[in-house]
Amino acid sequence: MRAGVALATAALVVPVALAGCSSGTANGPDGNLRVVATTEILADLAQRVGGDRVSAASLVPPGGDPHSYEPTPADAKRVAKADVTFTNHLLLEPQALIKTIDANAAKDAPNVSLAEAAESYGANVIPLVEDIGLDVLWLGLRIRGAGKARGATRTSTVQLSATRLDGPGKLVAYLTESLGQPSRYFDSTDGLGPADRTTLPPAAHTHLNWAFTKPGVYQLTLEGKLDLGDGKPLQPLGKGTFTFAVGVDPNTVKPADGGTATVLGEGHTDLTVDLDKGEVYAFSDAKKAGAAQLAVPAGQVVIDVPNRAIEAVPTDPRFSFLGAPGAQIHQLPQAVLGRHVHGEIDPHLWEDVANAKAYVQLMRDTLIKVDPDGKQIYQDNTAAYLRELDDLDGYVRAKLATIPRDRRQLITTHDAFGYLAEAYDMTVAGFVVPNPAQEPSVEQVRKLTETIRNLKVPAVFIEPNLAQRASVLTQVATDQRVRVCTIYGDSFDQHATTYVAMMRHNADELQRCLAVTK
């Protein structure tokens, strides 16, 4: 079974006798209202709103990664017993966790997607900008559109199947997971079949490695189908054939439709299924075209896989499907380690304190709806906490304002700080998550070194739960004699156990490490 098939994880459903909460009385442990949130940050916000009347808990454990957490049967039971569930969503959490929540949440228990719903409370959302600056194309997979006219929900999935490959060699599109384990999505080394497919939620995107065993011209046909679940027939969403120029001049290659080619060879591009239009195309950032975005029909695309993309097959036996160790392949890199399914909107809203305030007010109104007897308590707790968050916002803003403008550069291990940068006048200069299965190329190390040197940054920042993956960033920082400092993204540790403590630490650490003269 390809790992891509495994992405269509069935929701964990457990039969649990539920005590109704429609009467407006709290009925959890010690008589408290039971609130289940996906992350520690959300659970902390909910606890501050609920106070002694609420017992709030996180499904993702302390220090866990909310992007990749796999739910357990125990999680399904906790959701089934909850009076309220809070998810962040905007594809922060993996769909397996969302499916488990939606399948087990009691029908009369609010199940709130905070990031989407908080906009009506004044939350500001921004696009998720990814620009690692590779010297080859950064190629992934994407689902565009919500598919509401087709009946799609956040638990629906779109199947992307590789149905045909023509070319001189073999193609393997695979994901390198967090600990270096490869998972094959499309693998023609044993022929294409039903296993050569993957699934993504609506409006989602993911990164892959694209490896070719021989140079030449390849044509790959991808087909999309919508799965609404509940045994309903799959809905066809179209198919398209993409052309790859591997180690040959892409300007001499005809696309699948035989017409004029659009050559894509740099920036960020995804092979895309459009859930609303029922079309398959390449969706590109199109920087060279002078536009923010560009959609090119599959049959007009030629994807450049140049000779500078040549790599050696790792000696790690887990990568033997690519060929003999040391053999040369052409490969467009995944660039971001691990499962990295996300949407077009950055889900890390809480890095702007003003957005956390919107979450808190939405939580207040949700708890009042479930437990109207506690209305005054929830209102009072929220008012007090909002004053504390106002103070926190001012604290963060004042701290970061002391950093000279030319040093307000963030280089981190995770693309989680766009909101912090926009709200507090910082710049995200880059993020690095190395692949433990392969040594970074000389070019990758050179680019990171040049970024640090050219920007004259005095420090780089590592999240505690990602520290083990940050060896390259740490080494380059050491070589360039810059500090390695700590920043919190989407989980706590023993040193920061609340949202306020986390944000105060981030402000203090950024000020301490950047507002210095080298």
Protein backbone atom coordinates (compact mmCIF):
# COMPACT_ATOMS: atom_id res chain seq x y z
CA MET A 1 0.00 0.00 0.00
CA ARG A 2 1.31 3.44 -0.94
CA ALA A 3 1.48 5.91 1.93
CA GLY A 4 -0.73 8.22 -0.10
CA VAL A 5 -3.61 5.79 0.26
CA ALA A 6 -3.06 5.75 4.00
CA LEU A 7 -3.72 9.50 4.08
CA ALA A 8 -7.41 8.75 3.63
CA THR A 9 -7.55 7.81 7.30
CA ALA A 10 -10.93 6.64 8.48
CA ALA A 11 -12.34 8.64 11.33
CA LEU A 12 -12.08 7.04 14.74
CA VAL A 13 -15.64 6.52 15.93
CA VAL A 14 -16.47 5.13 19.34
CA PRO A 15 -19.89 4.48 20.87
CA VAL A 16 -20.18 6.48 24.08
CA ALA A 17 -23.27 7.20 26.18
CA LEU A 18 -23.55 10.98 26.30
CA ALA A 19 -25.01 13.16 28.97
CA GLY A 20 -26.84 15.99 27.21
CA CYS A 21 -25.86 19.57 27.90
CA SER A 22 -28.87 21.31 26.41
CA SER A 23 -30.21 22.10 29.87
CA GLY A 24 -27.44 24.64 30.32
CA THR A 25 -25.87 22.85 33.30
CA ALA A 26 -22.22 21.88 33.43
CA ASN A 27 -21.78 18.13 33.60
CA GLY A 28 -18.07 17.31 33.31
CA PRO A 29 -15.51 16.40 35.99
CA ASP A 30 -16.40 18.04 39.31
CA GLY A 31 -19.50 19.41 37.62
CA ASN A 32 -17.46 21.46 35.12
CA LEU A 33 -18.23 21.98 31.47
CA ARG A 34 -16.00 19.68 29.42
CA VAL A 35 -14.06 21.52 26.70
CA VAL A 36 -11.77 19.68 24.29
CA ALA A 37 -9.39 21.65 22.07
CA THR A 38 -6.91 20.39 19.53
CA THR A 39 -3.88 22.27 20.88
CA GLU A 40 -2.46 23.41 24.20
CA ILE A 41 -2.74 27.05 23.13
CA LEU A 42 -6.47 26.77 22.39
CA ALA A 43 -7.08 24.83 25.61
CA ASP A 44 -5.31 27.54 27.60
CA LEU A 45 -7.42 30.30 26.05
CA ALA A 46 -10.61 28.33 26.73
CA GLN A 47 -9.60 27.71 30.34
CA ARG A 48 -9.02 31.41 30.91
CA VAL A 49 -12.49 32.21 29.56
CA GLY A 50 -14.19 29.38 31.45
CA GLY A 51 -12.32 29.66 34.72
CA ASP A 52 -13.46 27.33 37.49
CA ARG A 53 -16.63 26.49 35.58
CA VAL A 54 -14.72 24.71 32.77
CA SER A 55 -12.26 21.83 32.42
CA ALA A 56 -10.35 22.42 29.16
CA ALA A 57 -7.90 19.89 27.72
CA SER A 58 -5.80 19.52 24.58
CA LEU A 59 -5.82 16.47 22.30
CA VAL A 60 -2.30 17.16 21.05
CA PRO A 61 0.00 16.35 24.00
CA PRO A 62 2.54 18.79 25.49
CA GLY A 63 5.28 19.53 23.00
CA GLY A 64 3.43 17.70 20.24
CA ASP A 65 3.21 18.87 16.64
CA PRO A 66 -0.38 19.83 15.78
CA HIS A 67 0.41 19.54 12.06
CA SER A 68 1.12 15.81 12.22
CA TYR A 69 -0.57 14.45 15.36
CA GLU A 70 -2.35 11.12 14.81
CA PRO A 71 -5.51 10.68 16.92
CA THR A 72 -6.08 7.64 19.13
CA PRO A 73 -9.23 5.82 20.25
CA ALA A 74 -8.84 7.59 23.60
CA ASP A 75 -9.05 10.92 21.78
CA ALA A 76 -12.29 9.84 20.11
CA LYS A 77 -13.78 9.01 23.52
CA ARG A 78 -12.73 12.39 24.92
CA VAL A 79 -14.37 14.17 22.01
CA ALA A 80 -17.56 12.13 22.40
CA LYS A 81 -17.83 13.20 26.04
CA ALA A 82 -17.08 16.88 25.38
CA ASP A 83 -19.66 19.62 25.79
CA VAL A 84 -17.67 21.87 23.42
CA THR A 85 -14.85 21.23 20.95
CA PHE A 86 -12.54 23.89 19.57
CA THR A 87 -10.34 23.35 16.52
CA ASN A 88 -8.14 25.95 14.89
CA HIS A 89 -8.53 24.47 11.41
CA LEU A 90 -7.48 26.34 8.25
CA LEU A 91 -5.70 22.99 7.87
CA LEU A 92 -3.46 23.49 10.91
CA GLU A 93 -4.50 20.07 12.19
CA PRO A 94 -4.19 16.89 10.09
CA GLN A 95 -7.45 15.76 8.52
CA ALA A 96 -7.38 12.49 10.49
CA LEU A 97 -7.78 14.54 13.68
CA ILE A 98 -10.52 16.72 12.16
CA LYS A 99 -12.39 13.62 11.00
CA THR A 100 -12.15 12.08 14.45
CA ILE A 101 -13.60 15.22 16.02
CA ASP A 102 -16.41 15.65 13.51
CA ALA A 103 -17.36 11.97 13.66
CA ASN A 104 -17.49 11.81 17.46
CA ALA A 105 -18.65 15.24 18.64
CA ALA A 106 -22.14 15.11 20.15
CA LYS A 107 -24.82 16.57 17.89
CA ASP A 108 -25.84 19.18 20.46
CA ALA A 109 -22.23 20.11 21.36
CA PRO A 110 -20.76 23.11 19.48
CA ASN A 111 -17.82 22.13 17.28
CA VAL A 112 -16.13 25.43 16.41
CA SER A 113 -13.43 26.13 13.80
CA LEU A 114 -11.86 29.14 15.45
CA ALA A 115 -9.64 30.49 12.68
CA GLU A 116 -12.52 30.73 10.20
CA ALA A 117 -15.20 31.93 12.62
CA ALA A 118 -12.98 34.46 14.42
CA GLU A 119 -12.92 36.77 11.39
CA SER A 120 -16.35 38.03 12.43
CA TYR A 121 -14.77 39.02 15.77
CA GLY A 122 -12.09 41.09 14.07
CA ALA A 123 -9.38 38.48 13.45
CA ASN A 124 -7.03 39.29 10.58
CA VAL A 125 -6.02 36.44 8.26
CA ILE A 126 -3.09 36.55 5.85
CA PRO A 127 -1.90 34.28 3.03
CA LEU A 128 0.61 31.57 3.81
CA VAL A 129 3.67 32.75 1.90
CA GLU A 130 6.24 30.08 1.09
CA ASP A 131 9.42 31.11 -0.66
CA ILE A 132 12.43 28.99 0.17
CA GLY A 133 14.28 30.25 -2.90
CA LEU A 134 15.31 26.91 -4.41
CA ASP A 135 17.39 26.97 -7.57
CA VAL A 136 14.91 24.54 -9.14
CA LEU A 137 11.13 24.38 -9.21
CA TRP A 138 9.41 23.65 -5.87
CA LEU A 139 6.65 21.29 -6.98
CA GLY A 140 3.74 20.03 -4.89
CA LEU A 141 0.10 18.96 -5.06
CA ARG A 142 -2.92 21.17 -4.39
CA ILE A 143 -6.70 21.15 -4.17
CA ARG A 144 -8.27 24.50 -4.96
CA GLY A 145 -11.78 25.49 -4.01
CA ALA A 146 -14.19 24.44 -1.28
CA GLY A 147 -16.54 22.36 -3.45
CA LYS A 148 -19.67 23.44 -1.56
CA ALA A 149 -21.79 23.10 -4.71
CA ARG A 150 -20.69 19.47 -4.86
CA GLY A 151 -21.56 18.86 -1.21
CA ALA A 152 -17.97 18.91 0.09
CA THR A 153 -17.22 19.59 3.77
CA ARG A 154 -14.02 19.83 5.77
CA THR A 155 -14.04 16.03 6.20
CA SER A 156 -14.35 15.37 2.45
CA THR A 157 -11.29 14.26 0.49
CA VAL A 158 -10.09 14.54 -3.08
CA GLN A 159 -8.30 11.56 -4.60
CA LEU A 160 -5.40 12.33 -6.93
CA SER A 161 -4.45 9.26 -8.95
CA ALA A 162 -1.49 8.79 -11.28
CA THR A 163 -3.08 6.81 -14.10
CA ARG A 164 -0.37 6.84 -16.81
CA LEU A 165 3.33 7.61 -17.27
CA ASP A 166 5.22 7.75 -20.54
CA GLY A 167 8.97 8.32 -20.49
CA PRO A 168 12.44 6.79 -20.72
CA GLY A 169 12.70 5.89 -17.04
CA LYS A 170 10.72 5.67 -13.84
CA LEU A 171 9.07 8.37 -11.75
CA VAL A 172 8.64 8.27 -7.98
CA ALA A 173 6.80 11.08 -6.18
CA TYR A 174 7.38 10.57 -2.46
CA LEU A 175 7.24 12.33 0.86
CA THR A 176 10.07 12.31 3.40
CA GLU A 177 8.45 12.24 6.83
CA SER A 178 9.73 13.95 9.97
CA LEU A 179 12.12 11.18 11.00
CA GLY A 180 13.37 10.53 7.48
CA GLN A 181 10.95 7.73 6.57
CA PRO A 182 9.96 7.91 2.87
CA SER A 183 6.34 7.42 1.86
CA ARG A 184 5.62 6.81 -1.81
CA TYR A 185 2.62 8.49 -3.41
CA PHE A 186 3.14 7.73 -7.12
CA ASP A 187 5.68 5.02 -8.00
CA SER A 188 6.04 3.72 -11.56
CA THR A 189 8.91 1.37 -10.69
CA ASP A 190 6.36 -1.42 -10.20
CA GLY A 191 3.85 -0.02 -12.68
CA LEU A 192 1.02 2.40 -11.95
CA GLY A 193 -2.11 0.98 -10.37
CA PRO A 194 -4.85 1.66 -7.78
CA ALA A 195 -2.23 2.18 -5.06
CA ASP A 196 -0.70 5.14 -6.88
CA ARG A 197 -2.93 7.79 -5.46
CA THR A 198 -3.10 10.16 -2.55
CA THR A 199 -5.83 12.20 -0.88
CA LEU A 200 -6.04 15.81 0.25
CA PRO A 201 -8.79 17.84 1.93
CA PRO A 202 -10.49 20.71 0.10
CA ALA A 203 -8.29 23.81 -0.28
CA ALA A 204 -5.18 21.88 0.80
CA HIS A 205 -1.62 21.74 -0.44
CA THR A 206 1.35 19.46 0.23
CA HIS A 207 5.01 19.14 -0.77
CA LEU A 208 6.67 16.12 -2.42
CA ASN A 209 9.98 14.95 -3.85
CA TRP A 210 9.79 14.17 -7.59
CA ALA A 211 12.50 11.70 -8.65
CA PHE A 212 13.27 10.56 -12.23
CA THR A 213 15.63 7.66 -12.90
CA LYS A 214 16.73 8.70 -16.41
CA PRO A 215 16.91 11.95 -18.38
CA GLY A 216 14.39 12.61 -21.14
CA VAL A 217 10.79 13.69 -21.64
CA TYR A 218 8.07 12.30 -19.36
CA GLN A 219 4.31 12.71 -19.47
CA LEU A 220 2.30 12.04 -16.30
CA THR A 221 -1.51 11.86 -16.27
CA LEU A 222 -3.27 12.78 -13.02
CA GLU A 223 -6.97 12.31 -12.33
CA GLY A 224 -9.05 13.83 -9.55
CA LYS A 225 -12.17 12.50 -7.81
CA LEU A 226 -14.19 13.86 -4.88
CA ASP A 227 -15.01 11.52 -2.00
CA LEU A 228 -17.85 12.82 0.18
CA GLY A 229 -17.66 9.77 2.44
CA ASP A 230 -20.55 7.69 3.79
CA GLY A 231 -20.21 5.28 0.87
CA LYS A 232 -21.35 7.82 -1.72
CA PRO A 233 -20.03 7.40 -5.29
CA LEU A 234 -16.88 9.31 -6.17
CA GLN A 235 -17.43 12.42 -8.26
CA PRO A 236 -15.04 12.89 -11.22
CA LEU A 237 -13.09 16.15 -11.20
CA GLY A 238 -11.24 15.88 -14.49
CA LYS A 239 -7.79 14.71 -15.52
CA GLY A 240 -4.76 16.21 -17.20
CA THR A 241 -1.34 15.26 -18.56
CA PHE A 242 1.74 17.16 -17.40
CA THR A 243 5.05 17.11 -19.32
CA PHE A 244 8.44 17.02 -17.58
CA ALA A 245 11.69 17.94 -19.35
CA VAL A 246 14.26 16.00 -17.33
CA GLY A 247 17.86 16.96 -18.05
CA VAL A 248 16.95 18.31 -21.50
CA ASP A 249 16.21 21.80 -22.83
CA PRO A 250 12.58 22.47 -21.83
CA ASN A 251 12.20 25.04 -24.62
CA THR A 252 12.53 22.26 -27.21
CA VAL A 253 9.85 20.06 -25.63
CA LYS A 254 6.24 19.99 -26.80
CA PRO A 255 3.53 19.88 -24.11
CA ALA A 256 0.86 17.18 -24.04
CA ASP A 257 -1.61 19.14 -26.17
CA GLY A 258 1.04 19.77 -28.85
CA GLY A 259 0.68 23.54 -28.73
CA THR A 260 2.82 26.30 -27.29
CA ALA A 261 4.36 25.35 -23.98
CA THR A 262 4.41 27.29 -20.73
CA VAL A 263 7.75 26.33 -19.17
CA LEU A 264 7.80 26.28 -15.36
CA GLY A 265 11.26 26.09 -13.87
CA GLU A 266 11.44 28.22 -10.75
CA GLY A 267 9.34 29.41 -7.83
CA HIS A 268 6.52 27.44 -6.29
CA THR A 269 4.12 25.37 -8.43
CA ASP A 270 1.52 22.72 -7.62
CA LEU A 271 -0.17 20.13 -9.80
CA THR A 272 -3.73 21.09 -8.97
CA VAL A 273 -7.25 19.70 -8.98
CA ASP A 274 -9.89 22.43 -8.94
CA LEU A 275 -12.77 21.23 -6.79
CA ASP A 276 -15.13 23.95 -7.97
CA LYS A 277 -14.35 23.93 -11.70
CA GLY A 278 -13.62 20.22 -12.13
CA GLU A 279 -10.30 20.92 -13.87
CA VAL A 280 -6.67 19.82 -13.55
CA TYR A 281 -3.90 22.39 -14.06
CA ALA A 282 -0.59 23.74 -12.76
CA PHE A 283 -0.98 26.51 -10.21
CA SER A 284 2.15 28.65 -10.02
CA ASP A 285 3.37 31.74 -8.23
CA ALA A 286 4.41 32.92 -11.70
CA LYS A 287 6.97 35.47 -10.51
CA LYS A 288 8.64 35.68 -13.90
CA ALA A 289 5.27 36.33 -15.53
CA GLY A 290 4.88 39.42 -13.40
CA ALA A 291 1.73 38.09 -11.74
CA ALA A 292 1.08 36.88 -8.23
CA GLN A 293 -0.49 33.63 -9.43
CA LEU A 294 -0.85 31.71 -12.68
CA ALA A 295 -3.04 28.73 -13.59
CA VAL A 296 -1.89 26.79 -16.68
CA PRO A 297 -3.92 23.90 -18.16
CA ALA A 298 -2.09 20.60 -17.70
CA GLY A 299 -1.73 20.01 -21.43
CA GLN A 300 0.17 23.29 -21.90
CA VAL A 301 2.72 22.75 -19.13
CA VAL A 302 6.38 21.75 -19.45
CA ILE A 303 8.08 21.35 -16.07
CA ASP A 304 11.84 21.90 -16.14
CA VAL A 305 13.89 19.35 -14.16
CA PRO A 306 17.41 20.60 -14.98
CA ASN A 307 20.72 18.85 -14.63
CA ARG A 308 21.49 20.88 -11.51
CA ALA A 309 18.70 18.79 -9.92
CA ILE A 310 20.89 15.66 -10.15
CA GLU A 311 21.32 13.92 -6.79
CA ALA A 312 22.77 10.64 -5.59
CA VAL A 313 20.47 7.96 -4.20
CA PRO A 314 20.99 7.89 -0.40
CA THR A 315 22.80 4.97 1.17
CA ASP A 316 19.89 4.60 3.59
CA PRO A 317 18.23 1.29 2.59
CA ARG A 318 14.80 2.87 3.04
CA PHE A 319 15.43 4.73 -0.24
CA SER A 320 16.34 1.64 -2.27
CA PHE A 321 13.20 2.12 -4.39
CA LEU A 322 15.06 4.99 -6.08
CA GLY A 323 17.87 2.74 -7.27
CA ALA A 324 21.27 1.57 -6.12
CA PRO A 325 23.00 3.70 -3.46
CA GLY A 326 25.01 6.43 -5.13
CA ALA A 327 23.18 6.15 -8.45
CA GLN A 328 22.28 9.47 -10.04
CA ILE A 329 18.70 10.65 -10.30
CA HIS A 330 17.07 13.95 -11.20
CA GLN A 331 14.98 15.17 -8.27
CA LEU A 332 12.86 18.21 -7.50
CA PRO A 333 13.08 18.47 -3.70
CA GLN A 334 10.31 18.48 -1.14
CA ALA A 335 12.22 21.24 0.69
CA VAL A 336 10.00 21.15 3.83
CA LEU A 337 10.43 18.05 5.95
CA GLY A 338 7.49 15.91 7.02
CA ARG A 339 3.79 15.92 6.21
CA HIS A 340 3.05 19.54 5.51
CA VAL A 341 -0.57 19.68 4.38
CA HIS A 342 -1.90 23.20 4.59
CA GLY A 343 -4.07 25.71 2.79
CA GLU A 344 -3.57 29.08 1.16
CA ILE A 345 -4.20 30.94 4.45
CA ASP A 346 -1.65 30.93 7.28
CA PRO A 347 -3.35 29.12 10.21
CA HIS A 348 -1.06 30.44 12.99
CA LEU A 349 -3.31 33.40 13.85
CA TRP A 350 -2.43 33.55 17.57
CA GLU A 351 1.09 34.89 16.88
CA ASP A 352 -0.75 38.24 16.59
CA VAL A 353 -2.22 38.92 20.04
CA ALA A 354 -5.15 40.78 18.46
CA ASN A 355 -6.21 37.52 16.83
CA ALA A 356 -6.02 35.71 20.16
CA LYS A 357 -8.46 38.31 21.49
CA ALA A 358 -10.87 37.40 18.70
CA TYR A 359 -10.56 33.71 19.61
CA VAL A 360 -11.30 34.50 23.25
CA GLN A 361 -14.47 36.43 22.45
CA LEU A 362 -15.69 33.65 20.17
CA MET A 363 -15.01 31.12 22.94
CA ARG A 364 -16.94 33.28 25.42
CA ASP A 365 -20.04 33.36 23.24
CA THR A 366 -19.80 29.63 22.54
CA LEU A 367 -19.62 28.77 26.24
CA ILE A 368 -22.56 31.06 27.02
CA LYS A 369 -24.61 29.28 24.38
CA VAL A 370 -23.90 25.90 25.97
CA ASP A 371 -24.08 27.06 29.59
CA PRO A 372 -26.23 30.20 29.88
CA ASP A 373 -26.24 29.94 33.67
CA GLY A 374 -22.54 30.81 33.56
CA LYS A 375 -22.97 33.86 31.33
CA GLN A 376 -21.84 36.45 33.86
CA ILE A 377 -18.80 34.39 34.85
CA TYR A 378 -17.74 33.94 31.24
CA GLN A 379 -18.24 37.62 30.50
CA ASP A 380 -16.27 38.71 33.56
CA ASN A 381 -13.43 36.25 32.90
CA THR A 382 -13.23 37.34 29.28
CA ALA A 383 -13.22 41.04 30.12
CA ALA A 384 -10.36 40.51 32.58
CA TYR A 385 -8.41 38.35 30.14
CA LEU A 386 -8.89 40.82 27.28
CA ARG A 387 -7.34 43.52 29.46
CA GLU A 388 -4.41 41.18 30.11
CA LEU A 389 -4.08 40.51 26.39
CA ASP A 390 -4.11 44.24 25.68
CA ASP A 391 -1.22 44.58 28.10
CA LEU A 392 0.50 41.64 26.41
CA ASP A 393 0.08 43.19 22.96
CA GLY A 394 1.59 46.42 24.21
CA TYR A 395 4.45 44.52 25.85
CA VAL A 396 5.30 42.61 22.66
CA ARG A 397 5.04 45.75 20.55
CA ALA A 398 7.26 47.79 22.87
CA LYS A 399 9.90 45.06 23.13
CA LEU A 400 10.15 44.52 19.38
CA ALA A 401 10.19 48.26 18.68
CA THR A 402 13.60 48.42 20.39
CA ILE A 403 15.10 46.16 17.72
CA PRO A 404 16.83 48.20 14.97
CA ARG A 405 14.89 47.88 11.72
CA ASP A 406 17.78 46.27 9.86
CA ARG A 407 17.88 43.47 12.48
CA ARG A 408 14.17 42.59 12.50
CA GLN A 409 14.85 39.45 10.48
CA LEU A 410 13.40 36.07 11.47
CA ILE A 411 15.14 32.87 10.41
CA THR A 412 13.39 29.91 12.04
CA THR A 413 12.70 26.18 11.80
CA HIS A 414 9.04 26.56 10.86
CA ASP A 415 6.91 28.88 8.73
CA ALA A 416 4.71 29.83 11.70
CA PHE A 417 5.55 33.48 12.26
CA GLY A 418 3.93 35.42 9.44
CA TYR A 419 1.35 36.96 11.79
CA LEU A 420 4.00 37.97 14.31
CA ALA A 421 6.00 39.59 11.53
CA GLU A 422 3.04 41.48 10.07
CA ALA A 423 1.62 42.63 13.41
CA TYR A 424 4.90 43.75 14.95
CA ASP A 425 6.90 45.01 11.96
CA MET A 426 9.27 42.07 11.58
CA THR A 427 10.43 40.27 8.41
CA VAL A 428 10.42 36.51 7.84
CA ALA A 429 13.77 36.02 6.13
CA GLY A 430 13.51 32.23 5.89
CA PHE A 431 12.83 28.95 7.59
CA VAL A 432 14.83 25.74 7.44
CA VAL A 433 13.75 22.20 8.20
CA PRO A 434 16.49 19.80 7.03
CA ASN A 435 15.98 16.26 5.81
CA PRO A 436 17.65 13.79 8.21
CA ALA A 437 17.72 11.07 5.54
CA GLN A 438 20.02 13.06 3.27
CA GLU A 439 22.86 15.45 3.81
CA PRO A 440 21.91 18.96 2.70
CA SER A 441 23.44 19.91 -0.60
CA VAL A 442 26.34 22.32 -0.79
CA GLU A 443 23.96 24.73 -2.52
CA GLN A 444 21.40 24.60 0.30
CA VAL A 445 24.04 25.27 2.93
CA ARG A 446 25.52 28.05 0.79
CA LYS A 447 22.15 29.82 0.41
CA LEU A 448 21.40 29.64 4.11
CA THR A 449 24.89 30.91 4.91
CA GLU A 450 24.52 33.78 2.46
CA THR A 451 21.12 34.74 3.86
CA ILE A 452 22.53 34.95 7.38
CA ARG A 453 25.65 36.77 6.23
CA ASN A 454 23.98 39.21 3.83
CA LEU A 455 21.24 40.21 6.27
CA LYS A 456 23.79 40.45 9.08
CA VAL A 457 21.33 38.77 11.44
CA PRO A 458 22.70 38.35 14.95
CA ALA A 459 20.55 35.28 15.72
CA VAL A 460 18.42 32.45 14.35
CA PHE A 461 15.46 30.93 16.20
CA ILE A 462 14.55 27.32 16.93
CA GLU A 463 11.28 26.01 18.34
CA PRO A 464 11.88 23.62 21.26
CA ASN A 465 9.80 20.81 19.74
CA LEU A 466 11.75 21.08 16.45
CA ALA A 467 15.23 21.35 17.94
CA GLN A 468 16.24 17.82 16.94
CA ARG A 469 15.55 18.66 13.29
CA ALA A 470 17.57 21.87 13.31
CA SER A 471 21.13 20.54 13.05
CA VAL A 472 21.90 22.32 9.77
CA LEU A 473 20.53 25.66 10.95
CA THR A 474 22.45 25.30 14.20
CA GLN A 475 25.69 24.41 12.43
CA VAL A 476 25.48 27.25 9.92
CA ALA A 477 24.64 29.69 12.73
CA THR A 478 27.66 28.46 14.69
CA ASP A 479 29.91 28.80 11.65
CA GLN A 480 28.66 32.36 11.11
CA ARG A 481 29.04 33.14 14.83
CA VAL A 482 25.41 34.10 15.36
CA ARG A 483 23.25 33.13 18.31
CA VAL A 484 20.84 30.21 18.35
CA CYS A 485 17.78 31.33 20.32
CA THR A 486 14.38 29.87 21.25
CA ILE A 487 10.96 30.83 19.93
CA TYR A 488 7.54 29.20 20.43
CA GLY A 489 5.25 28.54 17.49
CA ASP A 490 2.32 26.23 18.17
CA SER A 491 3.16 24.22 21.30
CA PHE A 492 4.28 24.77 24.89
CA ASP A 493 7.02 23.18 26.99
CA GLN A 494 7.92 23.19 30.67
CA HIS A 495 9.26 26.75 30.41
CA ALA A 496 6.18 28.23 28.75
CA THR A 497 2.89 26.66 29.79
CA THR A 498 0.43 29.45 28.93
CA TYR A 499 -0.24 31.62 25.91
CA VAL A 500 0.74 34.79 27.75
CA ALA A 501 4.01 33.25 28.97
CA MET A 502 4.74 31.99 25.46
CA MET A 503 4.26 35.38 23.81
CA ARG A 504 6.16 37.22 26.53
CA HIS A 505 9.05 34.80 26.06
CA ASN A 506 9.00 35.33 22.29
CA ALA A 507 9.11 39.11 22.73
CA ASP A 508 11.89 38.91 25.32
CA GLU A 509 13.94 36.46 23.27
CA LEU A 510 13.58 38.36 20.01
CA GLN A 511 14.59 41.58 21.74
CA ARG A 512 17.49 39.94 23.59
CA CYS A 513 18.88 38.15 20.55
CA LEU A 514 18.28 40.73 17.79
CA ALA A 515 18.65 44.11 19.50
CA VAL A 516 22.40 43.73 19.87
CA THR A 517 25.44 44.98 18.03
CA LYS A 518 27.53 42.18 16.59
